[in-house]
């Protein structure tokens, strides 16, 4: 298993990330892209278009609530600061999060 260390730029938090998560995140992003007609690469990009931001927030919320990932882990995986992830999860439309979680249920680990 390939691993890398992520360090938060603001607080210095260090965490080891495993590449297994990358495949799962890609699958979640592809599913979100299919649900809301957004390119999965755009979801993981720096785009600030409203539609992309909403899909990205739903991806963050699923990673947090369904996978139990920490904010720094999600931030490192998506190339963002953990405070940005906290904001995304808090402002995510609950209906979008539930819709994405249901669509991803077949490949998400059972909780």
PDB file of N, CA and C in Angstrom:
ATOM      1  N   UNK A   1       0.843  -1.170   0.000  1.00  0.00           N
ATOM      2  CA  UNK A   1       0.000   0.000   0.000  1.00  0.00           C
ATOM      3  C   UNK A   1       0.890   1.234   0.000  1.00  0.00           C
ATOM      4  N   UNK A   2       0.614   2.142  -0.895  1.00  0.00           N
ATOM      5  CA  UNK A   2       1.394   3.370  -1.018  1.00  0.00           C
ATOM      6  C   UNK A   2       0.914   4.378   0.020  1.00  0.00           C
ATOM      7  N   UNK A   3       1.832   5.038   0.712  1.00  0.00           N
ATOM      8  CA  UNK A   3       1.423   6.022   1.701  1.00  0.00           C
ATOM      9  C   UNK A   3       2.196   7.319   1.503  1.00  0.00           C
ATOM     10  N   UNK A   4       1.580   8.399   1.944  1.00  0.00           N
ATOM     11  CA  UNK A   4       2.237   9.696   1.894  1.00  0.00           C
ATOM     12  C   UNK A   4       1.848  10.481   3.132  1.00  0.00           C
ATOM     13  N   UNK A   5       2.648  11.471   3.476  1.00  0.00           N
ATOM     14  CA  UNK A   5       2.366  12.275   4.658  1.00  0.00           C
ATOM     15  C   UNK A   5       1.832  13.621   4.205  1.00  0.00           C
ATOM     16  N   UNK A   6       0.766  14.041   4.833  1.00  0.00           N
ATOM     17  CA  UNK A   6       0.145  15.324   4.546  1.00  0.00           C
ATOM     18  C   UNK A   6       0.344  16.235   5.747  1.00  0.00           C
ATOM     19  N   UNK A   7       0.708  17.480   5.502  1.00  0.00           N
ATOM     20  CA  UNK A   7       0.883  18.447   6.576  1.00  0.00           C
ATOM     21  C   UNK A   7      -0.017  19.642   6.289  1.00  0.00           C
ATOM     22  N   UNK A   8      -0.864  20.001   7.263  1.00  0.00           N
ATOM     23  CA  UNK A   8      -1.734  21.166   7.125  1.00  0.00           C
ATOM     24  C   UNK A   8      -0.889  22.434   7.178  1.00  0.00           C
ATOM     25  N   UNK A   9      -1.145  23.357   6.273  1.00  0.00           N
ATOM     26  CA  UNK A   9      -0.357  24.584   6.200  1.00  0.00           C
ATOM     27  C   UNK A   9      -0.644  25.532   7.348  1.00  0.00           C
ATOM     28  N   UNK A  10      -1.831  25.465   7.924  1.00  0.00           N
ATOM     29  CA  UNK A  10      -2.183  26.390   9.003  1.00  0.00           C
ATOM     30  C   UNK A  10      -1.744  25.902  10.374  1.00  0.00           C
ATOM     31  N   UNK A  11      -2.070  24.650  10.708  1.00  0.00           N
ATOM     32  CA  UNK A  11      -1.814  24.199  12.080  1.00  0.00           C
ATOM     33  C   UNK A  11      -0.649  23.228  12.196  1.00  0.00           C
ATOM     34  N   UNK A  12      -0.117  22.727  11.075  1.00  0.00           N
ATOM     35  CA  UNK A  12       1.010  21.815  11.126  1.00  0.00           C
ATOM     36  C   UNK A  12       0.638  20.366  11.402  1.00  0.00           C
ATOM     37  N   UNK A  13      -0.667  20.043  11.408  1.00  0.00           N
ATOM     38  CA  UNK A  13      -1.129  18.674  11.652  1.00  0.00           C
ATOM     39  C   UNK A  13      -0.553  17.741  10.591  1.00  0.00           C
ATOM     40  N   UNK A  14       0.066  16.649  11.020  1.00  0.00           N
ATOM     41  CA  UNK A  14       0.616  15.664  10.094  1.00  0.00           C
ATOM     42  C   UNK A  14      -0.249  14.416  10.105  1.00  0.00           C
ATOM     43  N   UNK A  15      -0.453  13.850   8.934  1.00  0.00           N
ATOM     44  CA  UNK A  15      -1.259  12.646   8.845  1.00  0.00           C
ATOM     45  C   UNK A  15      -0.753  11.783   7.697  1.00  0.00           C
ATOM     46  N   UNK A  16      -0.830  10.477   7.876  1.00  0.00           N
ATOM     47  CA  UNK A  16      -0.425   9.540   6.829  1.00  0.00           C
ATOM     48  C   UNK A  16      -1.659   9.171   6.019  1.00  0.00           C
ATOM     49  N   UNK A  17      -1.561   9.344   4.710  1.00  0.00           N
ATOM     50  CA  UNK A  17      -2.658   9.002   3.814  1.00  0.00           C
ATOM     51  C   UNK A  17      -2.275   7.799   2.978  1.00  0.00           C
ATOM     52  N   UNK A  18      -3.228   6.967   2.711  1.00  0.00           N
ATOM     53  CA  UNK A  18      -2.999   5.776   1.909  1.00  0.00           C
ATOM     54  C   UNK A  18      -3.709   5.913   0.573  1.00  0.00           C
ATOM     55  N   UNK A  19      -3.119   5.362  -0.466  1.00  0.00           N
ATOM     56  CA  UNK A  19      -3.667   5.516  -1.812  1.00  0.00           C
ATOM     57  C   UNK A  19      -4.996   4.799  -2.001  1.00  0.00           C
ATOM     58  N   UNK A  20      -5.367   3.903  -1.091  1.00  0.00           N
ATOM     59  CA  UNK A  20      -6.653   3.228  -1.181  1.00  0.00           C
ATOM     60  C   UNK A  20      -7.775   4.261  -1.195  1.00  0.00           C
ATOM     61  N   UNK A  21      -7.613   5.326  -0.435  1.00  0.00           N
ATOM     62  CA  UNK A  21      -8.625   6.374  -0.353  1.00  0.00           C
ATOM     63  C   UNK A  21      -8.801   7.056  -1.701  1.00  0.00           C
ATOM     64  N   UNK A  22      -7.727   7.203  -2.451  1.00  0.00           N
ATOM     65  CA  UNK A  22      -7.785   7.910  -3.725  1.00  0.00           C
ATOM     66  C   UNK A  22      -8.780   7.274  -4.690  1.00  0.00           C
ATOM     67  N   UNK A  23      -8.792   5.944  -4.760  1.00  0.00           N
ATOM     68  CA  UNK A  23      -9.716   5.253  -5.649  1.00  0.00           C
ATOM     69  C   UNK A  23     -11.158   5.488  -5.199  1.00  0.00           C
ATOM     70  N   UNK A  24     -11.397   5.428  -3.908  1.00  0.00           N
ATOM     71  CA  UNK A  24     -12.738   5.635  -3.370  1.00  0.00           C
ATOM     72  C   UNK A  24     -13.205   7.069  -3.624  1.00  0.00           C
ATOM     73  N   UNK A  25     -12.328   8.025  -3.433  1.00  0.00           N
ATOM     74  CA  UNK A  25     -12.663   9.429  -3.687  1.00  0.00           C
ATOM     75  C   UNK A  25     -12.975   9.627  -5.168  1.00  0.00           C
ATOM     76  N   UNK A  26     -12.203   9.017  -6.034  1.00  0.00           N
ATOM     77  CA  UNK A  26     -12.453   9.128  -7.473  1.00  0.00           C
ATOM     78  C   UNK A  26     -13.818   8.551  -7.829  1.00  0.00           C
ATOM     79  N   UNK A  27     -14.186   7.442  -7.211  1.00  0.00           N
ATOM     80  CA  UNK A  27     -15.496   6.835  -7.482  1.00  0.00           C
ATOM     81  C   UNK A  27     -16.624   7.734  -6.979  1.00  0.00           C
ATOM     82  N   UNK A  28     -16.432   8.329  -5.798  1.00  0.00           N
ATOM     83  CA  UNK A  28     -17.443   9.247  -5.259  1.00  0.00           C
ATOM     84  C   UNK A  28     -17.568  10.462  -6.176  1.00  0.00           C
ATOM     85  N   UNK A  29     -16.448  11.011  -6.633  1.00  0.00           N
ATOM     86  CA  UNK A  29     -16.469  12.171  -7.529  1.00  0.00           C
ATOM     87  C   UNK A  29     -17.136  11.831  -8.860  1.00  0.00           C
ATOM     88  N   UNK A  30     -16.857  10.632  -9.398  1.00  0.00           N
ATOM     89  CA  UNK A  30     -17.501  10.223 -10.653  1.00  0.00           C
ATOM     90  C   UNK A  30     -19.011  10.107 -10.461  1.00  0.00           C
ATOM     91  N   UNK A  31     -19.423   9.556  -9.325  1.00  0.00           N
ATOM     92  CA  UNK A  31     -20.854   9.411  -9.050  1.00  0.00           C
ATOM     93  C   UNK A  31     -21.508  10.784  -8.916  1.00  0.00           C
ATOM     94  N   UNK A  32     -20.857  11.692  -8.188  1.00  0.00           N
ATOM     95  CA  UNK A  32     -21.386  13.056  -8.044  1.00  0.00           C
ATOM     96  C   UNK A  32     -21.466  13.740  -9.405  1.00  0.00           C
ATOM     97  N   UNK A  33     -20.453  13.537 -10.220  1.00  0.00           N
ATOM     98  CA  UNK A  33     -20.454  14.120 -11.558  1.00  0.00           C
ATOM     99  C   UNK A  33     -21.612  13.618 -12.397  1.00  0.00           C
ATOM    100  N   UNK A  34     -21.883  12.335 -12.299  1.00  0.00           N
ATOM    101  CA  UNK A  34     -22.994  11.756 -13.054  1.00  0.00           C
ATOM    102  C   UNK A  34     -24.343  12.272 -12.540  1.00  0.00           C
ATOM    103  N   UNK A  35     -24.464  12.443 -11.222  1.00  0.00           N
ATOM    104  CA  UNK A  35     -25.725  12.912 -10.640  1.00  0.00           C
ATOM    105  C   UNK A  35     -26.041  14.349 -11.039  1.00  0.00           C
ATOM    106  N   UNK A  36     -25.029  15.207 -11.051  1.00  0.00           N
ATOM    107  CA  UNK A  36     -25.269  16.629 -11.257  1.00  0.00           C
ATOM    108  C   UNK A  36     -24.630  17.180 -12.530  1.00  0.00           C
ATOM    109  N   UNK A  37     -24.319  16.302 -13.477  1.00  0.00           N
ATOM    110  CA  UNK A  37     -23.785  16.700 -14.790  1.00  0.00           C
ATOM    111  C   UNK A  37     -22.583  17.639 -14.674  1.00  0.00           C
ATOM    112  N   UNK A  38     -21.636  17.224 -13.846  1.00  0.00           N
ATOM    113  CA  UNK A  38     -20.397  17.978 -13.658  1.00  0.00           C
ATOM    114  C   UNK A  38     -19.246  17.014 -13.919  1.00  0.00           C
ATOM    115  N   UNK A  39     -18.229  17.476 -14.620  1.00  0.00           N
ATOM    116  CA  UNK A  39     -17.068  16.641 -14.876  1.00  0.00           C
ATOM    117  C   UNK A  39     -16.359  16.314 -13.552  1.00  0.00           C
ATOM    118  N   UNK A  40     -16.076  15.039 -13.269  1.00  0.00           N
ATOM    119  CA  UNK A  40     -15.420  14.669 -12.012  1.00  0.00           C
ATOM    120  C   UNK A  40     -14.083  15.384 -11.784  1.00  0.00           C
ATOM    121  N   UNK A  41     -13.339  15.615 -12.859  1.00  0.00           N
ATOM    122  CA  UNK A  41     -12.080  16.349 -12.713  1.00  0.00           C
ATOM    123  C   UNK A  41     -12.330  17.789 -12.283  1.00  0.00           C
ATOM    124  N   UNK A  42     -13.434  18.356 -12.717  1.00  0.00           N
ATOM    125  CA  UNK A  42     -13.782  19.713 -12.325  1.00  0.00           C
ATOM    126  C   UNK A  42     -14.148  19.771 -10.847  1.00  0.00           C
ATOM    127  N   UNK A  43     -14.796  18.708 -10.347  1.00  0.00           N
ATOM    128  CA  UNK A  43     -15.140  18.650  -8.921  1.00  0.00           C
ATOM    129  C   UNK A  43     -13.870  18.707  -8.076  1.00  0.00           C
ATOM    130  N   UNK A  44     -12.828  18.056  -8.537  1.00  0.00           N
ATOM    131  CA  UNK A  44     -11.581  18.016  -7.783  1.00  0.00           C
ATOM    132  C   UNK A  44     -10.656  19.185  -8.135  1.00  0.00           C
ATOM    133  N   UNK A  45     -11.110  20.086  -9.022  1.00  0.00           N
ATOM    134  CA  UNK A  45     -10.284  21.227  -9.424  1.00  0.00           C
ATOM    135  C   UNK A  45     -10.527  22.420  -8.502  1.00  0.00           C
ATOM    136  N   UNK A  46      -9.970  23.579  -8.871  1.00  0.00           N
ATOM    137  CA  UNK A  46     -10.138  24.800  -8.085  1.00  0.00           C
ATOM    138  C   UNK A  46     -11.350  25.621  -8.536  1.00  0.00           C
ATOM    139  N   UNK A  47     -12.171  25.086  -9.408  1.00  0.00           N
ATOM    140  CA  UNK A  47     -13.325  25.815  -9.930  1.00  0.00           C
ATOM    141  C   UNK A  47     -14.234  26.307  -8.813  1.00  0.00           C
ATOM    142  N   UNK A  48     -14.747  27.539  -8.971  1.00  0.00           N
ATOM    143  CA  UNK A  48     -15.653  28.106  -7.978  1.00  0.00           C
ATOM    144  C   UNK A  48     -17.057  28.312  -8.535  1.00  0.00           C
ATOM    145  N   UNK A  49     -17.366  27.635  -9.636  1.00  0.00           N
ATOM    146  CA  UNK A  49     -18.718  27.717 -10.188  1.00  0.00           C
ATOM    147  C   UNK A  49     -19.684  27.093  -9.187  1.00  0.00           C
ATOM    148  N   UNK A  50     -20.832  27.712  -9.041  1.00  0.00           N
ATOM    149  CA  UNK A  50     -21.802  27.329  -8.020  1.00  0.00           C
ATOM    150  C   UNK A  50     -22.144  25.835  -8.063  1.00  0.00           C
ATOM    151  N   UNK A  51     -22.381  25.345  -9.251  1.00  0.00           N
ATOM    152  CA  UNK A  51     -22.760  23.935  -9.427  1.00  0.00           C
ATOM    153  C   UNK A  51     -21.624  22.993  -9.001  1.00  0.00           C
ATOM    154  N   UNK A  52     -20.413  23.360  -9.345  1.00  0.00           N
ATOM    155  CA  UNK A  52     -19.240  22.550  -8.997  1.00  0.00           C
ATOM    156  C   UNK A  52     -18.999  22.585  -7.489  1.00  0.00           C
ATOM    157  N   UNK A  53     -19.127  23.772  -6.903  1.00  0.00           N
ATOM    158  CA  UNK A  53     -18.919  23.922  -5.461  1.00  0.00           C
ATOM    159  C   UNK A  53     -19.941  23.086  -4.690  1.00  0.00           C
ATOM    160  N   UNK A  54     -21.193  23.085  -5.128  1.00  0.00           N
ATOM    161  CA  UNK A  54     -22.231  22.297  -4.459  1.00  0.00           C
ATOM    162  C   UNK A  54     -21.925  20.801  -4.554  1.00  0.00           C
ATOM    163  N   UNK A  55     -21.496  20.335  -5.717  1.00  0.00           N
ATOM    164  CA  UNK A  55     -21.141  18.920  -5.883  1.00  0.00           C
ATOM    165  C   UNK A  55     -19.929  18.566  -5.025  1.00  0.00           C
ATOM    166  N   UNK A  56     -18.930  19.454  -4.990  1.00  0.00           N
ATOM    167  CA  UNK A  56     -17.731  19.222  -4.183  1.00  0.00           C
ATOM    168  C   UNK A  56     -18.086  19.156  -2.690  1.00  0.00           C
ATOM    169  N   UNK A  57     -18.998  20.033  -2.253  1.00  0.00           N
ATOM    170  CA  UNK A  57     -19.423  20.026  -0.848  1.00  0.00           C
ATOM    171  C   UNK A  57     -20.103  18.706  -0.513  1.00  0.00           C
ATOM    172  N   UNK A  58     -20.902  18.181  -1.431  1.00  0.00           N
ATOM    173  CA  UNK A  58     -21.559  16.892  -1.195  1.00  0.00           C
ATOM    174  C   UNK A  58     -20.525  15.769  -1.097  1.00  0.00           C
ATOM    175  N   UNK A  59     -19.489  15.824  -1.942  1.00  0.00           N
ATOM    176  CA  UNK A  59     -18.411  14.830  -1.876  1.00  0.00           C
ATOM    177  C   UNK A  59     -17.720  14.910  -0.516  1.00  0.00           C
ATOM    178  N   UNK A  60     -17.434  16.130  -0.063  1.00  0.00           N
ATOM    179  CA  UNK A  60     -16.790  16.315   1.251  1.00  0.00           C
ATOM    180  C   UNK A  60     -17.665  15.767   2.371  1.00  0.00           C
ATOM    181  N   UNK A  61     -18.968  16.053   2.301  1.00  0.00           N
ATOM    182  CA  UNK A  61     -19.888  15.592   3.345  1.00  0.00           C
ATOM    183  C   UNK A  61     -19.977  14.071   3.383  1.00  0.00           C
ATOM    184  N   UNK A  62     -19.992  13.438   2.221  1.00  0.00           N
ATOM    185  CA  UNK A  62     -20.031  11.970   2.182  1.00  0.00           C
ATOM    186  C   UNK A  62     -18.737  11.388   2.753  1.00  0.00           C
ATOM    187  N   UNK A  63     -17.617  11.993   2.395  1.00  0.00           N
ATOM    188  CA  UNK A  63     -16.334  11.511   2.925  1.00  0.00           C
ATOM    189  C   UNK A  63     -16.293  11.648   4.440  1.00  0.00           C
ATOM    190  N   UNK A  64     -16.844  12.727   4.953  1.00  0.00           N
ATOM    191  CA  UNK A  64     -16.841  12.958   6.394  1.00  0.00           C
ATOM    192  C   UNK A  64     -17.843  12.049   7.108  1.00  0.00           C
ATOM    193  N   UNK A  65     -19.083  12.026   6.626  1.00  0.00           N
ATOM    194  CA  UNK A  65     -20.155  11.325   7.342  1.00  0.00           C
ATOM    195  C   UNK A  65     -20.223   9.832   7.068  1.00  0.00           C
ATOM    196  N   UNK A  66     -19.920   9.418   5.855  1.00  0.00           N
ATOM    197  CA  UNK A  66     -20.026   8.004   5.513  1.00  0.00           C
ATOM    198  C   UNK A  66     -18.713   7.249   5.705  1.00  0.00           C
ATOM    199  N   UNK A  67     -17.601   7.910   5.417  1.00  0.00           N
ATOM    200  CA  UNK A  67     -16.295   7.248   5.546  1.00  0.00           C
ATOM    201  C   UNK A  67     -15.624   7.547   6.882  1.00  0.00           C
ATOM    202  N   UNK A  68     -16.113   8.565   7.586  1.00  0.00           N
ATOM    203  CA  UNK A  68     -15.536   8.918   8.880  1.00  0.00           C
ATOM    204  C   UNK A  68     -14.149   9.537   8.784  1.00  0.00           C
ATOM    205  N   UNK A  69     -13.831  10.117   7.634  1.00  0.00           N
ATOM    206  CA  UNK A  69     -12.518  10.734   7.461  1.00  0.00           C
ATOM    207  C   UNK A  69     -12.452  12.042   8.249  1.00  0.00           C
ATOM    208  N   UNK A  70     -11.267  12.402   8.697  1.00  0.00           N
ATOM    209  CA  UNK A  70     -11.093  13.662   9.410  1.00  0.00           C
ATOM    210  C   UNK A  70     -11.020  14.810   8.402  1.00  0.00           C
ATOM    211  N   UNK A  71     -11.258  16.018   8.896  1.00  0.00           N
ATOM    212  CA  UNK A  71     -11.174  17.183   8.016  1.00  0.00           C
ATOM    213  C   UNK A  71      -9.786  17.321   7.377  1.00  0.00           C
ATOM    214  N   UNK A  72      -8.692  17.155   8.142  1.00  0.00           N
ATOM    215  CA  UNK A  72      -7.371  17.227   7.501  1.00  0.00           C
ATOM    216  C   UNK A  72      -7.159  16.147   6.438  1.00  0.00           C
ATOM    217  N   UNK A  73      -7.682  14.936   6.672  1.00  0.00           N
ATOM    218  CA  UNK A  73      -7.553  13.865   5.675  1.00  0.00           C
ATOM    219  C   UNK A  73      -8.285  14.224   4.384  1.00  0.00           C
ATOM    220  N   UNK A  74      -9.508  14.729   4.536  1.00  0.00           N
ATOM    221  CA  UNK A  74     -10.292  15.109   3.361  1.00  0.00           C
ATOM    222  C   UNK A  74      -9.597  16.251   2.628  1.00  0.00           C
ATOM    223  N   UNK A  75      -9.126  17.231   3.391  1.00  0.00           N
ATOM    224  CA  UNK A  75      -8.431  18.366   2.796  1.00  0.00           C
ATOM    225  C   UNK A  75      -7.199  17.946   2.023  1.00  0.00           C
ATOM    226  N   UNK A  76      -6.432  17.033   2.595  1.00  0.00           N
ATOM    227  CA  UNK A  76      -5.225  16.555   1.920  1.00  0.00           C
ATOM    228  C   UNK A  76      -5.581  15.779   0.656  1.00  0.00           C
ATOM    229  N   UNK A  77      -6.631  15.000   0.716  1.00  0.00           N
ATOM    230  CA  UNK A  77      -7.056  14.214  -0.435  1.00  0.00           C
ATOM    231  C   UNK A  77      -7.541  15.107  -1.578  1.00  0.00           C
ATOM    232  N   UNK A  78      -8.231  16.190  -1.223  1.00  0.00           N
ATOM    233  CA  UNK A  78      -8.783  17.084  -2.240  1.00  0.00           C
ATOM    234  C   UNK A  78      -7.886  18.289  -2.520  1.00  0.00           C
ATOM    235  N   UNK A  79      -6.762  18.375  -1.832  1.00  0.00           N
ATOM    236  CA  UNK A  79      -5.834  19.478  -2.061  1.00  0.00           C
ATOM    237  C   UNK A  79      -6.310  20.802  -1.503  1.00  0.00           C
ATOM    238  N   UNK A  80      -6.982  20.737  -0.360  1.00  0.00           N
ATOM    239  CA  UNK A  80      -7.509  21.944   0.261  1.00  0.00           C
ATOM    240  C   UNK A  80      -7.194  21.943   1.753  1.00  0.00           C
ATOM    241  N   UNK A  81      -7.352  23.101   2.357  1.00  0.00           N
ATOM    242  CA  UNK A  81      -7.136  23.246   3.785  1.00  0.00           C
ATOM    243  C   UNK A  81      -8.306  22.620   4.551  1.00  0.00           C
ATOM    244  N   UNK A  82      -8.044  22.114   5.764  1.00  0.00           N
ATOM    245  CA  UNK A  82      -9.122  21.457   6.515  1.00  0.00           C
ATOM    246  C   UNK A  82     -10.246  22.429   6.880  1.00  0.00           C
ATOM    247  N   UNK A  83      -9.947  23.714   7.030  1.00  0.00           N
ATOM    248  CA  UNK A  83     -11.012  24.671   7.351  1.00  0.00           C
ATOM    249  C   UNK A  83     -11.950  24.874   6.165  1.00  0.00           C
ATOM    250  N   UNK A  84     -11.432  24.756   4.964  1.00  0.00           N
ATOM    251  CA  UNK A  84     -12.266  24.829   3.763  1.00  0.00           C
ATOM    252  C   UNK A  84     -13.224  23.641   3.738  1.00  0.00           C
ATOM    253  N   UNK A  85     -12.728  22.479   4.130  1.00  0.00           N
ATOM    254  CA  UNK A  85     -13.561  21.271   4.173  1.00  0.00           C
ATOM    255  C   UNK A  85     -14.644  21.416   5.242  1.00  0.00           C
ATOM    256  N   UNK A  86     -14.278  21.968   6.391  1.00  0.00           N
ATOM    257  CA  UNK A  86     -15.266  22.184   7.461  1.00  0.00           C
ATOM    258  C   UNK A  86     -16.402  23.067   6.952  1.00  0.00           C
ATOM    259  N   UNK A  87     -16.060  24.134   6.249  1.00  0.00           N
ATOM    260  CA  UNK A  87     -17.068  25.033   5.696  1.00  0.00           C
ATOM    261  C   UNK A  87     -17.937  24.305   4.671  1.00  0.00           C
ATOM    262  N   UNK A  88     -17.321  23.511   3.817  1.00  0.00           N
ATOM    263  CA  UNK A  88     -18.070  22.775   2.792  1.00  0.00           C
ATOM    264  C   UNK A  88     -19.070  21.809   3.422  1.00  0.00           C
ATOM    265  N   UNK A  89     -18.639  21.089   4.440  1.00  0.00           N
ATOM    266  CA  UNK A  89     -19.527  20.109   5.096  1.00  0.00           C
ATOM    267  C   UNK A  89     -20.679  20.828   5.803  1.00  0.00           C
ATOM    268  N   UNK A  90     -20.381  21.933   6.462  1.00  0.00           N
ATOM    269  CA  UNK A  90     -21.427  22.678   7.181  1.00  0.00           C
ATOM    270  C   UNK A  90     -22.456  23.287   6.240  1.00  0.00           C
ATOM    271  N   UNK A  91     -22.025  23.727   5.076  1.00  0.00           N
ATOM    272  CA  UNK A  91     -22.941  24.417   4.160  1.00  0.00           C
ATOM    273  C   UNK A  91     -23.519  23.503   3.079  1.00  0.00           C
ATOM    274  N   UNK A  92     -23.175  22.236   3.115  1.00  0.00           N
ATOM    275  CA  UNK A  92     -23.668  21.293   2.108  1.00  0.00           C
ATOM    276  C   UNK A  92     -25.183  21.121   2.222  1.00  0.00           C
ATOM    277  N   UNK A  93     -25.837  21.089   1.091  1.00  0.00           N
ATOM    278  CA  UNK A  93     -27.273  20.821   1.045  1.00  0.00           C
ATOM    279  C   UNK A  93     -27.505  19.378   1.509  1.00  0.00           C
ATOM    280  N   UNK A  94     -28.268  19.180   2.596  1.00  0.00           N
ATOM    281  CA  UNK A  94     -28.470  17.818   3.120  1.00  0.00           C
ATOM    282  C   UNK A  94     -29.079  16.860   2.099  1.00  0.00           C
ATOM    283  N   UNK A  95     -29.960  17.378   1.255  1.00  0.00           N
ATOM    284  CA  UNK A  95     -30.579  16.511   0.239  1.00  0.00           C
ATOM    285  C   UNK A  95     -29.552  16.006  -0.765  1.00  0.00           C
ATOM    286  N   UNK A  96     -28.611  16.874  -1.143  1.00  0.00           N
ATOM    287  CA  UNK A  96     -27.556  16.465  -2.069  1.00  0.00           C
ATOM    288  C   UNK A  96     -26.665  15.411  -1.427  1.00  0.00           C
ATOM    289  N   UNK A  97     -26.351  15.595  -0.134  1.00  0.00           N
ATOM    290  CA  UNK A  97     -25.495  14.638   0.559  1.00  0.00           C
ATOM    291  C   UNK A  97     -26.169  13.268   0.634  1.00  0.00           C
ATOM    292  N   UNK A  98     -27.447  13.259   0.973  1.00  0.00           N
ATOM    293  CA  UNK A  98     -28.185  11.990   1.067  1.00  0.00           C
ATOM    294  C   UNK A  98     -28.276  11.331  -0.306  1.00  0.00           C
ATOM    295  N   UNK A  99     -28.557  12.119  -1.330  1.00  0.00           N
ATOM    296  CA  UNK A  99     -28.657  11.584  -2.690  1.00  0.00           C
ATOM    297  C   UNK A  99     -27.331  10.959  -3.123  1.00  0.00           C
ATOM    298  N   UNK A 100     -26.228  11.626  -2.840  1.00  0.00           N
ATOM    299  CA  UNK A 100     -24.919  11.088  -3.206  1.00  0.00           C
ATOM    300  C   UNK A 100     -24.578   9.852  -2.376  1.00  0.00           C
ATOM    301  N   UNK A 101     -24.874   9.882  -1.088  1.00  0.00           N
ATOM    302  CA  UNK A 101     -24.601   8.724  -0.224  1.00  0.00           C
ATOM    303  C   UNK A 101     -25.380   7.501  -0.697  1.00  0.00           C
ATOM    304  N   UNK A 102     -26.630   7.696  -1.086  1.00  0.00           N
ATOM    305  CA  UNK A 102     -27.439   6.583  -1.591  1.00  0.00           C
ATOM    306  C   UNK A 102     -26.892   6.056  -2.909  1.00  0.00           C
ATOM    307  N   UNK A 103     -26.445   6.951  -3.772  1.00  0.00           N
ATOM    308  CA  UNK A 103     -25.888   6.536  -5.061  1.00  0.00           C
ATOM    309  C   UNK A 103     -24.559   5.799  -4.886  1.00  0.00           C
ATOM    310  N   UNK A 104     -23.834   6.132  -3.826  1.00  0.00           N
ATOM    311  CA  UNK A 104     -22.519   5.514  -3.569  1.00  0.00           C
ATOM    312  C   UNK A 104     -22.619   4.292  -2.643  1.00  0.00           C
ATOM    313  N   UNK A 105     -23.798   3.968  -2.173  1.00  0.00           N
ATOM    314  CA  UNK A 105     -23.966   2.923  -1.160  1.00  0.00           C
ATOM    315  C   UNK A 105     -23.382   1.580  -1.584  1.00  0.00           C
ATOM    316  N   UNK A 106     -23.414   1.265  -2.869  1.00  0.00           N
ATOM    317  CA  UNK A 106     -22.939  -0.041  -3.324  1.00  0.00           C
ATOM    318  C   UNK A 106     -21.426  -0.223  -3.148  1.00  0.00           C
ATOM    319  N   UNK A 107     -20.660   0.856  -3.153  1.00  0.00           N
ATOM    320  CA  UNK A 107     -19.214   0.692  -3.004  1.00  0.00           C
ATOM    321  C   UNK A 107     -18.648   1.320  -1.736  1.00  0.00           C
ATOM    322  N   UNK A 108     -19.484   2.014  -0.945  1.00  0.00           N
ATOM    323  CA  UNK A 108     -18.995   2.544   0.336  1.00  0.00           C
ATOM    324  C   UNK A 108     -18.954   1.416   1.354  1.00  0.00           C
ATOM    325  N   UNK A 109     -17.951   1.431   2.237  1.00  0.00           N
ATOM    326  CA  UNK A 109     -17.908   0.401   3.279  1.00  0.00           C
ATOM    327  C   UNK A 109     -19.130   0.527   4.198  1.00  0.00           C
ATOM    328  N   UNK A 110     -19.631  -0.605   4.658  1.00  0.00           N
ATOM    329  CA  UNK A 110     -20.777  -0.612   5.575  1.00  0.00           C
ATOM    330  C   UNK A 110     -20.380   0.044   6.888  1.00  0.00           C
ATOM    331  N   UNK A 111     -21.274   0.898   7.402  1.00  0.00           N
ATOM    332  CA  UNK A 111     -20.953   1.574   8.665  1.00  0.00           C
ATOM    333  C   UNK A 111     -21.619   0.920   9.844  1.00  0.00           C
TER     334      UNK A 111
END
